[in-house]
């Protein structure tokens, strides 16, 4: 409200002054306004409120949404190649089949208060080389997504679904991925050092040459998993199910194999001399 100093004072005294919007309150934009802003300056979308907006099939490569609210957004098949979603609230957002190649999602959902009831959906999305460092995306769906060489260090991915996803060369070191699904996923050369994969379901996954140093795989399902040349030094595998898994060339020095199920495994050439709680029987 454009009032002179005197008029504003009189309005305040009479109780008729309009309540000014909070300077910290983000502006809520429409789909048309998003396009208009992006065309003028891809950085002009920082901190905006896009809750519930339809961004499906929009072409927004390089857009900067840092600090924005994208709660319940529909971004189906949108192009966000190289875009920035740093510290964004993505809870409930649908990014199914979206292109997030080399996008930065570092710290996404870190401050969201809606994670319990709003799952992020990224099934079939392309996240090649994307940065999801310390992102908070529990129970998100990445089914069939391509996360090759993606960075997920220290991320909260508990309960996520990576069924059939591609994570070749991805960095999940220090990530919390408890109760997640990696059934049939491709994790060749992935770095899972010190990650927590307690009770993960990894049946038929490809972990060839993966770094699994000090990883926690307690009670994990690793049936029919390919662990050829994987580095499992000091890994915790208590009560894990490795029936019919491949361990050719795997490094197991210091690994804890207490109560591990190894039925159907060919242990020819596998060195179990330095493991903790070496298995006595095939079960």
Protein backbone atom coordinates (compact mmCIF):
# COMPACT_ATOMS: atom_id res chain seq x y z
CA UNK A 1 0.00 0.00 0.00
CA UNK A 2 1.62 3.29 -1.13
CA UNK A 3 0.82 5.70 1.67
CA UNK A 4 2.70 8.77 2.70
CA UNK A 5 4.34 8.68 6.10
CA UNK A 6 1.54 10.78 7.61
CA UNK A 7 -1.24 8.74 5.98
CA UNK A 8 0.38 5.49 7.14
CA UNK A 9 0.64 6.80 10.70
CA UNK A 10 -3.02 7.89 10.67
CA UNK A 11 -4.07 4.52 9.28
CA UNK A 12 -2.18 2.70 11.98
CA UNK A 13 -3.71 4.84 14.68
CA UNK A 14 -7.20 4.26 13.33
CA UNK A 15 -6.60 0.51 13.03
CA UNK A 16 -7.21 0.55 9.28
CA UNK A 17 -3.73 -0.23 8.03
CA UNK A 18 -3.41 -3.21 5.76
CA UNK A 19 -1.28 -6.04 7.06
CA UNK A 20 1.88 -6.17 4.98
CA UNK A 21 2.99 -9.55 3.72
CA UNK A 22 5.88 -11.07 5.58
CA UNK A 23 9.12 -10.30 3.76
CA UNK A 24 10.13 -13.92 4.26
CA UNK A 25 6.90 -15.28 2.75
CA UNK A 26 7.67 -16.65 -0.74
CA UNK A 27 5.64 -15.45 -3.69
CA UNK A 28 3.29 -18.08 -5.12
CA UNK A 29 3.51 -18.24 -8.89
CA UNK A 30 1.35 -19.67 -11.66
CA UNK A 31 2.59 -21.86 -14.51
CA UNK A 32 2.52 -18.88 -16.88
CA UNK A 33 4.49 -16.72 -14.42
CA UNK A 34 7.10 -19.47 -14.03
CA UNK A 35 7.62 -19.55 -17.81
CA UNK A 36 7.77 -15.76 -17.98
CA UNK A 37 10.28 -15.48 -15.15
CA UNK A 38 12.43 -18.27 -16.52
CA UNK A 39 12.62 -16.68 -19.97
CA UNK A 40 13.73 -13.41 -18.39
CA UNK A 41 16.20 -14.92 -15.93
CA UNK A 42 16.53 -18.62 -14.98
CA UNK A 43 17.73 -17.49 -11.54
CA UNK A 44 14.53 -15.59 -10.79
CA UNK A 45 12.79 -18.71 -9.44
CA UNK A 46 14.76 -18.87 -6.21
CA UNK A 47 12.67 -19.04 -3.07
CA UNK A 48 9.29 -18.97 -4.84
CA UNK A 49 6.22 -20.95 -3.80
CA UNK A 50 5.20 -23.45 -6.47
CA UNK A 51 3.04 -25.65 -4.26
CA UNK A 52 0.70 -27.80 -6.32
CA UNK A 53 1.68 -26.19 -9.62
CA UNK A 54 1.62 -28.10 -12.92
CA UNK A 55 5.10 -28.01 -14.46
CA UNK A 56 4.60 -31.11 -16.56
CA UNK A 57 6.54 -31.22 -19.83
CA UNK A 58 8.00 -27.73 -19.31
CA UNK A 59 11.48 -27.11 -20.68
CA UNK A 60 13.43 -25.40 -17.87
CA UNK A 61 17.09 -26.46 -18.17
CA UNK A 62 19.42 -24.59 -15.84
CA UNK A 63 16.60 -23.09 -13.77
CA UNK A 64 17.50 -22.14 -10.20
CA UNK A 65 14.80 -23.14 -7.71
CA UNK A 66 17.10 -22.91 -4.67
CA UNK A 67 15.07 -22.53 -1.48
CA UNK A 68 11.78 -22.82 -3.35
CA UNK A 69 8.68 -24.71 -2.21
CA UNK A 70 7.66 -27.35 -4.74
CA UNK A 71 5.35 -29.28 -2.46
CA UNK A 72 2.92 -31.52 -4.40
CA UNK A 73 4.24 -30.18 -7.70
CA UNK A 74 3.52 -32.10 -10.92
CA UNK A 75 6.73 -32.18 -12.96
CA UNK A 76 5.94 -35.17 -15.18
CA UNK A 77 8.40 -35.36 -18.11
CA UNK A 78 9.70 -31.86 -17.37
CA UNK A 79 13.24 -30.96 -18.45
CA UNK A 80 15.33 -29.74 -15.48
CA UNK A 81 18.74 -30.61 -16.88
CA UNK A 82 21.38 -28.77 -14.85
CA UNK A 83 18.73 -27.13 -12.66
CA UNK A 84 19.29 -26.29 -8.99
CA UNK A 85 16.94 -27.46 -6.24
CA UNK A 86 19.23 -26.70 -3.30
CA UNK A 87 17.37 -26.80 0.05
CA UNK A 88 14.01 -27.07 -1.74
CA UNK A 89 10.88 -28.58 -0.23
CA UNK A 90 9.96 -31.34 -2.71
CA UNK A 91 7.61 -33.26 -0.41
CA UNK A 92 4.77 -34.85 -2.32
CA UNK A 93 6.24 -33.78 -5.64
CA UNK A 94 5.91 -35.93 -8.75
CA UNK A 95 8.99 -35.94 -10.99
CA UNK A 96 8.05 -39.08 -12.87
CA UNK A 97 10.06 -39.42 -16.11
CA UNK A 98 11.55 -35.95 -15.58
CA UNK A 99 15.05 -35.13 -16.84
CA UNK A 100 17.21 -34.08 -13.88
CA UNK A 101 20.56 -34.81 -15.51
CA UNK A 102 23.33 -33.03 -13.57
CA UNK A 103 20.71 -31.27 -11.45
CA UNK A 104 21.67 -30.25 -7.92
CA UNK A 105 19.26 -31.36 -5.19
CA UNK A 106 21.70 -30.95 -2.31
CA UNK A 107 19.86 -30.56 0.98
CA UNK A 108 16.44 -31.11 -0.63
CA UNK A 109 13.69 -31.54 1.97
CA UNK A 110 16.19 -30.92 4.76
CA UNK A 111 13.78 -28.56 6.50
CA UNK A 112 10.49 -30.02 5.28
CA UNK A 113 7.84 -30.81 7.86
CA UNK A 114 5.68 -32.80 5.43
CA UNK A 115 7.80 -35.90 4.78
CA UNK A 116 5.69 -38.33 6.74
CA UNK A 117 2.63 -37.88 4.55
CA UNK A 118 4.11 -36.74 1.24
CA UNK A 119 6.30 -39.10 -0.76
CA UNK A 120 8.46 -37.77 -3.59
CA UNK A 121 8.00 -39.72 -6.84
CA UNK A 122 10.91 -39.90 -9.28
CA UNK A 123 10.14 -43.18 -11.05
CA UNK A 124 11.83 -43.32 -14.43
CA UNK A 125 13.50 -39.94 -13.90
CA UNK A 126 16.95 -39.24 -15.32
CA UNK A 127 19.29 -38.12 -12.53
CA UNK A 128 22.63 -38.89 -14.16
CA UNK A 129 25.35 -37.03 -12.28
CA UNK A 130 22.78 -35.29 -10.07
CA UNK A 131 23.89 -34.00 -6.67
CA UNK A 132 21.61 -35.17 -3.85
CA UNK A 133 24.12 -34.68 -1.04
CA UNK A 134 22.35 -34.84 2.35
CA UNK A 135 18.95 -34.78 0.65
CA UNK A 136 16.09 -36.00 2.83
CA UNK A 137 13.95 -38.21 0.62
CA UNK A 138 12.70 -41.11 2.78
CA UNK A 139 10.23 -43.47 1.07
CA UNK A 140 10.78 -41.76 -2.30
CA UNK A 141 10.24 -43.84 -5.43
CA UNK A 142 13.17 -44.08 -7.83
CA UNK A 143 11.88 -47.20 -9.56
CA UNK A 144 13.54 -47.53 -12.97
CA UNK A 145 15.30 -44.17 -12.56
CA UNK A 146 18.79 -43.51 -13.93
CA UNK A 147 21.10 -42.25 -11.17
CA UNK A 148 24.37 -43.16 -12.84
CA UNK A 149 27.28 -41.31 -11.16
CA UNK A 150 24.79 -39.44 -8.95
CA UNK A 151 26.03 -38.09 -5.60
CA UNK A 152 23.90 -39.17 -2.64
CA UNK A 153 26.46 -38.79 0.14
CA UNK A 154 24.90 -38.63 3.59
CA UNK A 155 21.37 -38.65 2.15
CA UNK A 156 18.35 -39.97 4.04
CA UNK A 157 16.93 -42.57 1.66
CA UNK A 158 15.29 -44.84 4.20
CA UNK A 159 12.52 -46.95 2.70
CA UNK A 160 13.15 -45.73 -0.86
CA UNK A 161 12.30 -47.90 -3.85
CA UNK A 162 15.22 -48.29 -6.30
CA UNK A 163 13.78 -51.36 -8.01
CA UNK A 164 15.42 -51.70 -11.42
CA UNK A 165 17.18 -48.35 -11.02
CA UNK A 166 20.60 -47.65 -12.51
CA UNK A 167 23.17 -46.43 -9.98
CA UNK A 168 26.42 -47.38 -11.71
CA UNK A 169 29.24 -45.33 -10.19
CA UNK A 170 26.86 -43.55 -7.81
CA UNK A 171 28.18 -42.29 -4.47
CA UNK A 172 26.00 -43.33 -1.53
CA UNK A 173 28.77 -43.20 1.05
CA UNK A 174 27.45 -42.49 4.53
CA UNK A 175 23.86 -42.57 3.31
CA UNK A 176 21.04 -44.01 5.39
CA UNK A 177 19.15 -46.45 3.18
CA UNK A 178 17.48 -48.67 5.75
CA UNK A 179 14.57 -50.84 4.56
CA UNK A 180 15.07 -49.71 0.95
CA UNK A 181 14.43 -51.84 -2.14
CA UNK A 182 17.21 -52.41 -4.69
CA UNK A 183 15.66 -55.44 -6.35
CA UNK A 184 17.25 -55.90 -9.77
CA UNK A 185 19.09 -52.58 -9.42
CA UNK A 186 22.42 -51.87 -11.13
CA UNK A 187 25.07 -50.67 -8.66
CA UNK A 188 28.25 -51.63 -10.47
CA UNK A 189 31.22 -49.65 -9.06
CA UNK A 190 28.90 -47.76 -6.71
CA UNK A 191 30.41 -46.37 -3.50
CA UNK A 192 28.43 -47.46 -0.43
CA UNK A 193 31.21 -47.01 2.10
CA UNK A 194 29.78 -46.74 5.64
CA UNK A 195 26.23 -46.66 4.29
CA UNK A 196 23.44 -48.17 6.38
CA UNK A 197 21.52 -50.74 4.32
CA UNK A 198 19.96 -52.57 7.25
CA UNK A 199 17.12 -54.85 6.07
CA UNK A 200 17.52 -53.71 2.46
CA UNK A 201 16.09 -55.95 -0.25
CA UNK A 202 18.78 -56.33 -2.90
CA UNK A 203 17.80 -59.60 -4.55
CA UNK A 204 19.19 -59.95 -8.11
CA UNK A 205 21.03 -56.63 -7.81
CA UNK A 206 24.36 -56.07 -9.58
CA UNK A 207 27.00 -54.89 -7.08
CA UNK A 208 29.99 -55.85 -9.20
CA UNK A 209 33.15 -54.05 -8.02
CA UNK A 210 31.08 -51.97 -5.60
CA UNK A 211 32.74 -50.36 -2.56
CA UNK A 212 30.98 -51.78 0.50
CA UNK A 213 33.64 -51.01 3.10
CA UNK A 214 32.17 -50.84 6.62
CA UNK A 215 28.68 -51.01 5.14
CA UNK A 216 25.85 -52.25 7.34
CA UNK A 217 23.91 -55.03 5.64
CA UNK A 218 22.43 -56.60 8.74
CA UNK A 219 19.33 -58.68 7.89
CA UNK A 220 19.64 -57.64 4.23
CA UNK A 221 18.28 -59.82 1.43
CA UNK A 222 21.18 -60.40 -0.99
CA UNK A 223 19.86 -63.53 -2.64
CA UNK A 224 21.10 -64.00 -6.21
CA UNK A 225 23.07 -60.76 -5.90
CA UNK A 226 26.27 -60.34 -7.93
CA UNK A 227 29.06 -59.24 -5.57
CA UNK A 228 31.91 -60.17 -7.91
CA UNK A 229 35.05 -58.16 -7.02
CA UNK A 230 33.09 -56.14 -4.45
CA UNK A 231 35.04 -54.71 -1.50
CA UNK A 232 33.30 -55.84 1.72
CA UNK A 233 36.12 -55.12 4.14
CA UNK A 234 34.77 -54.78 7.70
CA UNK A 235 31.19 -55.00 6.44
CA UNK A 236 28.44 -56.01 8.86
CA UNK A 237 26.43 -58.88 7.35
CA UNK A 238 24.87 -60.40 10.44
CA UNK A 239 21.75 -62.45 9.64
CA UNK A 240 21.95 -61.44 5.96
CA UNK A 241 20.69 -63.80 3.28
CA UNK A 242 23.35 -64.42 0.60
CA UNK A 243 21.96 -67.62 -0.85
CA UNK A 244 23.06 -68.12 -4.48
CA UNK A 245 24.98 -64.82 -4.42
CA UNK A 246 28.24 -64.49 -6.38
CA UNK A 247 31.32 -63.65 -4.32
CA UNK A 248 34.10 -64.31 -6.84
CA UNK A 249 37.02 -62.02 -6.03
CA UNK A 250 35.14 -60.24 -3.24
CA UNK A 251 37.27 -58.77 -0.43
CA UNK A 252 35.91 -59.97 2.91
CA UNK A 253 38.70 -59.13 5.35
CA UNK A 254 37.17 -58.23 8.70
CA UNK A 255 33.61 -58.79 7.47
CA UNK A 256 31.17 -60.04 10.11
CA UNK A 257 29.30 -63.09 8.74
CA UNK A 258 27.46 -64.08 11.91
CA UNK A 259 24.40 -66.18 11.08
CA UNK A 260 24.74 -65.41 7.36
CA UNK A 261 22.85 -67.74 5.03
CA UNK A 262 25.15 -68.99 2.26
CA UNK A 263 23.24 -71.86 0.68
CA UNK A 264 23.90 -72.40 -3.01
CA UNK A 265 27.07 -70.28 -3.11
CA UNK A 266 30.21 -71.43 -4.86
CA UNK A 267 32.96 -70.38 -2.44
CA UNK A 268 35.78 -71.69 -4.61
CA UNK A 269 38.58 -69.14 -4.40
CA UNK A 270 36.71 -66.99 -1.83
CA UNK A 271 38.98 -66.18 1.12
CA UNK A 272 37.04 -66.52 4.39
CA UNK A 273 40.13 -66.80 6.58
CA UNK A 274 40.00 -63.22 7.81
CA UNK A 275 36.27 -62.84 8.41
CA UNK A 276 34.59 -62.50 11.78
CA UNK A 277 32.24 -65.34 12.72
CA UNK A 278 33.06 -67.49 9.68
CA UNK A 279 30.14 -69.67 8.54
CA UNK A 280 30.27 -73.31 9.58
CA UNK A 281 27.36 -74.71 7.62
CA UNK A 282 25.60 -73.91 4.39
CA UNK A 283 22.01 -72.96 5.09
